Amino acid sequence: MLRSISLPACVLLLCTVAACRPAPAPAPPLSDAAIAVRDALPEDRFRGQLGGAPVELLARDCKVFGVARGPGQDVTLTEVLAPEPYPFFTGCERQSLREEDGAVIAVLGRRAFGAGGCCATGGTWRTRNGQTWEKISGQAIP
């Protein structure tokens, strides 16, 4: 004698079996570099072509970093530009990257703590390849 299984029982059985599958592995946490690139303001990032090669740059804490992307969400930052050191404590007052005439212009300015106005150190630089920078002004004017 054959017994038939009711439809609600079949649905319950299928849901139970489906729920027993292992959960997918969680995504690995993002590195500090990946978070910095993800959260950067538009004026602090450049991603495009310079001299026919793809270049990605990030301005962070008054320095410019080259961004290298690896497999998955792997991101590495390499410092490519920083203003000259200052003998006292400073904080980043202004920074920006912009594209202009086939080059990227970086404006970096650090203010000395306790001083008024900007900038104790910094200036304006230009690159046509993302690696070699030419200082075009001692002023950090965007």
C-alpha atoms as a PDB file:
ATOM      1  CA  MET A   1       0.000   0.000   0.000  1.00  0.00           C
ATOM      2  CA  LEU A   2       1.425   3.348  -1.086  1.00  0.00           C
ATOM      3  CA  ARG A   3       0.928   6.467   0.888  1.00  0.00           C
ATOM      4  CA  SER A   4       0.997   9.849  -0.713  1.00  0.00           C
ATOM      5  CA  ILE A   5       2.706  12.758   0.958  1.00  0.00           C
ATOM      6  CA  SER A   6       0.674  15.918   1.198  1.00  0.00           C
ATOM      7  CA  LEU A   7       1.775  19.070  -0.615  1.00  0.00           C
ATOM      8  CA  PRO A   8       2.367  21.107   2.592  1.00  0.00           C
ATOM      9  CA  ALA A   9       4.597  18.340   3.922  1.00  0.00           C
ATOM     10  CA  CYS A  10       6.643  18.368   0.680  1.00  0.00           C
ATOM     11  CA  VAL A  11       7.093  22.137   0.847  1.00  0.00           C
ATOM     12  CA  LEU A  12       8.186  21.910   4.476  1.00  0.00           C
ATOM     13  CA  LEU A  13      10.642  19.135   3.663  1.00  0.00           C
ATOM     14  CA  LEU A  14      12.163  21.109   0.744  1.00  0.00           C
ATOM     15  CA  CYS A  15      12.512  24.271   2.843  1.00  0.00           C
ATOM     16  CA  THR A  16      14.247  22.307   5.592  1.00  0.00           C
ATOM     17  CA  VAL A  17      16.704  20.731   3.155  1.00  0.00           C
ATOM     18  CA  ALA A  18      17.407  24.100   1.488  1.00  0.00           C
ATOM     19  CA  ALA A  19      18.077  25.716   4.869  1.00  0.00           C
ATOM     20  CA  CYS A  20      20.695  23.088   5.687  1.00  0.00           C
ATOM     21  CA  ARG A  21      23.089  24.274   2.965  1.00  0.00           C
ATOM     22  CA  PRO A  22      26.166  25.990   4.368  1.00  0.00           C
ATOM     23  CA  ALA A  23      26.097  29.761   4.257  1.00  0.00           C
ATOM     24  CA  PRO A  24      28.424  31.380   1.717  1.00  0.00           C
ATOM     25  CA  ALA A  25      31.742  32.518   3.121  1.00  0.00           C
ATOM     26  CA  PRO A  26      31.691  36.187   4.173  1.00  0.00           C
ATOM     27  CA  ALA A  27      33.679  38.597   2.026  1.00  0.00           C
ATOM     28  CA  PRO A  28      37.119  39.356   3.451  1.00  0.00           C
ATOM     29  CA  PRO A  29      37.297  42.699   5.271  1.00  0.00           C
ATOM     30  CA  LEU A  30      38.587  45.652   3.256  1.00  0.00           C
ATOM     31  CA  SER A  31      42.108  46.881   3.911  1.00  0.00           C
ATOM     32  CA  ASP A  32      42.744  50.410   5.181  1.00  0.00           C
ATOM     33  CA  ALA A  33      43.981  51.326   1.692  1.00  0.00           C
ATOM     34  CA  ALA A  34      40.827  49.989   0.028  1.00  0.00           C
ATOM     35  CA  ILE A  35      38.647  51.909   2.492  1.00  0.00           C
ATOM     36  CA  ALA A  36      40.648  55.120   1.880  1.00  0.00           C
ATOM     37  CA  VAL A  37      40.170  54.811  -1.891  1.00  0.00           C
ATOM     38  CA  ARG A  38      36.478  53.924  -1.540  1.00  0.00           C
ATOM     39  CA  ASP A  39      35.741  56.841   0.807  1.00  0.00           C
ATOM     40  CA  ALA A  40      37.871  59.509  -0.924  1.00  0.00           C
ATOM     41  CA  LEU A  41      36.203  62.702  -2.069  1.00  0.00           C
ATOM     42  CA  PRO A  42      36.075  63.205  -5.854  1.00  0.00           C
ATOM     43  CA  GLU A  43      38.584  66.079  -5.665  1.00  0.00           C
ATOM     44  CA  ASP A  44      41.048  63.783  -3.856  1.00  0.00           C
ATOM     45  CA  ARG A  45      41.100  61.119  -6.619  1.00  0.00           C
ATOM     46  CA  PHE A  46      42.283  60.836 -10.195  1.00  0.00           C
ATOM     47  CA  ARG A  47      41.674  57.802 -12.367  1.00  0.00           C
ATOM     48  CA  GLY A  48      42.468  58.066 -16.052  1.00  0.00           C
ATOM     49  CA  GLN A  49      45.169  58.054 -18.703  1.00  0.00           C
ATOM     50  CA  LEU A  50      48.479  59.927 -18.447  1.00  0.00           C
ATOM     51  CA  GLY A  51      50.977  59.557 -21.253  1.00  0.00           C
ATOM     52  CA  GLY A  52      48.907  56.714 -22.706  1.00  0.00           C
ATOM     53  CA  ALA A  53      49.044  54.610 -19.535  1.00  0.00           C
ATOM     54  CA  PRO A  54      46.313  54.042 -16.941  1.00  0.00           C
ATOM     55  CA  VAL A  55      47.005  55.924 -13.704  1.00  0.00           C
ATOM     56  CA  GLU A  56      45.115  56.092 -10.422  1.00  0.00           C
ATOM     57  CA  LEU A  57      46.129  58.626  -7.749  1.00  0.00           C
ATOM     58  CA  LEU A  58      44.803  59.456  -4.281  1.00  0.00           C
ATOM     59  CA  ALA A  59      45.450  62.591  -2.179  1.00  0.00           C
ATOM     60  CA  ARG A  60      45.368  61.654   1.507  1.00  0.00           C
ATOM     61  CA  ASP A  61      46.750  63.512   4.534  1.00  0.00           C
ATOM     62  CA  CYS A  62      48.524  66.029   2.247  1.00  0.00           C
ATOM     63  CA  LYS A  63      50.399  63.338   0.331  1.00  0.00           C
ATOM     64  CA  VAL A  64      49.722  61.802  -3.069  1.00  0.00           C
ATOM     65  CA  PHE A  65      49.685  58.037  -3.426  1.00  0.00           C
ATOM     66  CA  GLY A  66      49.707  55.810  -6.478  1.00  0.00           C
ATOM     67  CA  VAL A  67      46.907  53.252  -6.274  1.00  0.00           C
ATOM     68  CA  ALA A  68      47.634  49.686  -7.403  1.00  0.00           C
ATOM     69  CA  ARG A  69      44.739  47.249  -7.574  1.00  0.00           C
ATOM     70  CA  GLY A  70      45.335  43.541  -7.143  1.00  0.00           C
ATOM     71  CA  PRO A  71      43.037  40.547  -7.327  1.00  0.00           C
ATOM     72  CA  GLY A  72      39.626  40.895  -5.728  1.00  0.00           C
ATOM     73  CA  GLN A  73      39.453  43.979  -3.542  1.00  0.00           C
ATOM     74  CA  ASP A  74      43.199  44.152  -2.839  1.00  0.00           C
ATOM     75  CA  VAL A  75      44.517  47.745  -2.969  1.00  0.00           C
ATOM     76  CA  THR A  76      48.056  48.997  -2.346  1.00  0.00           C
ATOM     77  CA  LEU A  77      49.035  52.654  -1.863  1.00  0.00           C
ATOM     78  CA  THR A  78      52.537  53.890  -2.720  1.00  0.00           C
ATOM     79  CA  GLU A  79      53.568  57.433  -1.788  1.00  0.00           C
ATOM     80  CA  VAL A  80      54.583  59.383  -4.899  1.00  0.00           C
ATOM     81  CA  LEU A  81      54.515  62.989  -3.619  1.00  0.00           C
ATOM     82  CA  ALA A  82      54.739  64.748  -0.246  1.00  0.00           C
ATOM     83  CA  PRO A  83      55.567  68.346   0.693  1.00  0.00           C
ATOM     84  CA  GLU A  84      58.863  69.086   2.385  1.00  0.00           C
ATOM     85  CA  PRO A  85      58.951  68.374   6.146  1.00  0.00           C
ATOM     86  CA  TYR A  86      58.284  71.110   8.683  1.00  0.00           C
ATOM     87  CA  PRO A  87      60.080  71.199  12.085  1.00  0.00           C
ATOM     88  CA  PHE A  88      56.882  71.590  14.137  1.00  0.00           C
ATOM     89  CA  PHE A  89      53.469  69.939  14.287  1.00  0.00           C
ATOM     90  CA  THR A  90      51.278  70.473  11.235  1.00  0.00           C
ATOM     91  CA  GLY A  91      47.871  69.421   9.984  1.00  0.00           C
ATOM     92  CA  CYS A  92      46.594  69.038   6.455  1.00  0.00           C
ATOM     93  CA  GLU A  93      44.754  72.227   5.513  1.00  0.00           C
ATOM     94  CA  ARG A  94      44.081  71.612   1.813  1.00  0.00           C
ATOM     95  CA  GLN A  95      44.646  68.967  -0.803  1.00  0.00           C
ATOM     96  CA  SER A  96      43.233  68.276  -4.245  1.00  0.00           C
ATOM     97  CA  LEU A  97      43.933  66.610  -7.576  1.00  0.00           C
ATOM     98  CA  ARG A  98      42.677  67.836 -10.931  1.00  0.00           C
ATOM     99  CA  GLU A  99      43.302  67.009 -14.567  1.00  0.00           C
ATOM    100  CA  GLU A 100      44.522  69.831 -16.779  1.00  0.00           C
ATOM    101  CA  ASP A 101      45.997  69.705 -20.311  1.00  0.00           C
ATOM    102  CA  GLY A 102      47.020  66.032 -20.186  1.00  0.00           C
ATOM    103  CA  ALA A 103      48.541  66.356 -16.718  1.00  0.00           C
ATOM    104  CA  VAL A 104      47.425  66.040 -13.105  1.00  0.00           C
ATOM    105  CA  ILE A 105      47.811  69.048 -10.820  1.00  0.00           C
ATOM    106  CA  ALA A 106      48.222  68.349  -7.096  1.00  0.00           C
ATOM    107  CA  VAL A 107      47.684  71.061  -4.490  1.00  0.00           C
ATOM    108  CA  LEU A 108      48.935  70.216  -1.002  1.00  0.00           C
ATOM    109  CA  GLY A 109      49.063  72.564   1.993  1.00  0.00           C
ATOM    110  CA  ARG A 110      49.897  71.896   5.652  1.00  0.00           C
ATOM    111  CA  ARG A 111      49.209  74.444   8.398  1.00  0.00           C
ATOM    112  CA  ALA A 112      51.453  74.696  11.448  1.00  0.00           C
ATOM    113  CA  PHE A 113      49.473  74.231  14.660  1.00  0.00           C
ATOM    114  CA  GLY A 114      48.979  77.577  16.371  1.00  0.00           C
ATOM    115  CA  ALA A 115      49.601  79.497  13.164  1.00  0.00           C
ATOM    116  CA  GLY A 116      46.942  81.367  11.280  1.00  0.00           C
ATOM    117  CA  GLY A 117      46.285  80.706   7.643  1.00  0.00           C
ATOM    118  CA  CYS A 118      47.772  78.230   5.280  1.00  0.00           C
ATOM    119  CA  CYS A 119      50.405  77.017   4.546  1.00  0.00           C
ATOM    120  CA  ALA A 120      53.587  76.324   6.475  1.00  0.00           C
ATOM    121  CA  THR A 121      54.581  73.791   3.849  1.00  0.00           C
ATOM    122  CA  GLY A 122      53.136  72.680   0.541  1.00  0.00           C
ATOM    123  CA  GLY A 123      52.629  73.965  -2.954  1.00  0.00           C
ATOM    124  CA  THR A 124      51.340  73.011  -6.384  1.00  0.00           C
ATOM    125  CA  TRP A 125      52.847  70.213  -8.484  1.00  0.00           C
ATOM    126  CA  ARG A 126      52.255  68.756 -11.946  1.00  0.00           C
ATOM    127  CA  THR A 127      52.783  65.240 -13.334  1.00  0.00           C
ATOM    128  CA  ARG A 128      52.335  63.841 -16.818  1.00  0.00           C
ATOM    129  CA  ASN A 129      52.920  60.195 -15.816  1.00  0.00           C
ATOM    130  CA  GLY A 130      51.870  59.844 -12.149  1.00  0.00           C
ATOM    131  CA  GLN A 131      55.445  59.278 -10.932  1.00  0.00           C
ATOM    132  CA  THR A 132      57.587  62.314 -11.791  1.00  0.00           C
ATOM    133  CA  TRP A 133      56.371  65.564 -10.219  1.00  0.00           C
ATOM    134  CA  GLU A 134      57.398  69.121 -11.039  1.00  0.00           C
ATOM    135  CA  LYS A 135      56.768  71.881  -8.488  1.00  0.00           C
ATOM    136  CA  ILE A 136      55.088  74.693 -10.370  1.00  0.00           C
ATOM    137  CA  SER A 137      54.324  76.973  -7.412  1.00  0.00           C
ATOM    138  CA  GLY A 138      55.182  77.359  -3.746  1.00  0.00           C
ATOM    139  CA  GLN A 139      51.575  78.426  -3.174  1.00  0.00           C
ATOM    140  CA  ALA A 140      48.893  75.888  -2.197  1.00  0.00           C
ATOM    141  CA  ILE A 141      46.108  77.614  -4.072  1.00  0.00           C
ATOM    142  CA  PRO A 142      43.512  75.283  -5.597  1.00  0.00           C
END
